[in-house]
Amino acid sequence: MNRTTWTEWQTVLKGILVAATADSKVVLVGVGHPLRGDDHVGSFIVESLGEKKSGSIQFFNGEDNVEAIIARIATLRPKHVVFIDACDMNLRTGEARLVTMNETNYPFFTTHGIPLKLLAERFLPNSQSWVLAIQPEQLEIGSSLSPKVSTSAKSIVEFIKASMMEENAFAS
């Protein structure tokens, strides 16, 4: 799998966000079970972004059931969909990489009911689908985000907010 480095994924994601327009929508989808430690990181990021969105950039929290929201996302006909999820990539805890959905290895690349790759192929055939993958430390039931993943998640939230604000993506 060809993964971007920390700075490379930031450049690619910023390019996706700043290019968002009414005709070229971007959707960010948080993925992860709220009671499984670092698995919750994607949902945590989207929740932390709150209402900071525009008509051209939308946020959805899929938690552990992306299947329930994928049809709504498809109706937006986004140009780019970025799933934010914990993924074991044998990296240091909290490291992130941005990979195209085509670079993920189905069925291996998921802990979800239906792999994200299959959902994207079926429901988002005209969208460029990505995974912003974050290396988890622990996925135990009942635990919260580990300190390193929490720090990484907060940095990602600030990066996304800054990227959107820099390009006036919040303008009406």
Foldseek 3Di string as FASTA:
>chain_A
DDWDFQVRQLVVVLVLQLPFDLVAAEEEEFEEAQFFALQRLSLVLLVVLPPQAANRYYYYYCYQHVVVCLQVVLVSLHQEYEYEGEWAPVDPAFTKTKDWLVPDDPPPTDPHPDDPSVSCVVRPVNHGYMYTYGHADGGHGRYYYDPSNVVSSVVVSVSSSVSCVVSVRSPD
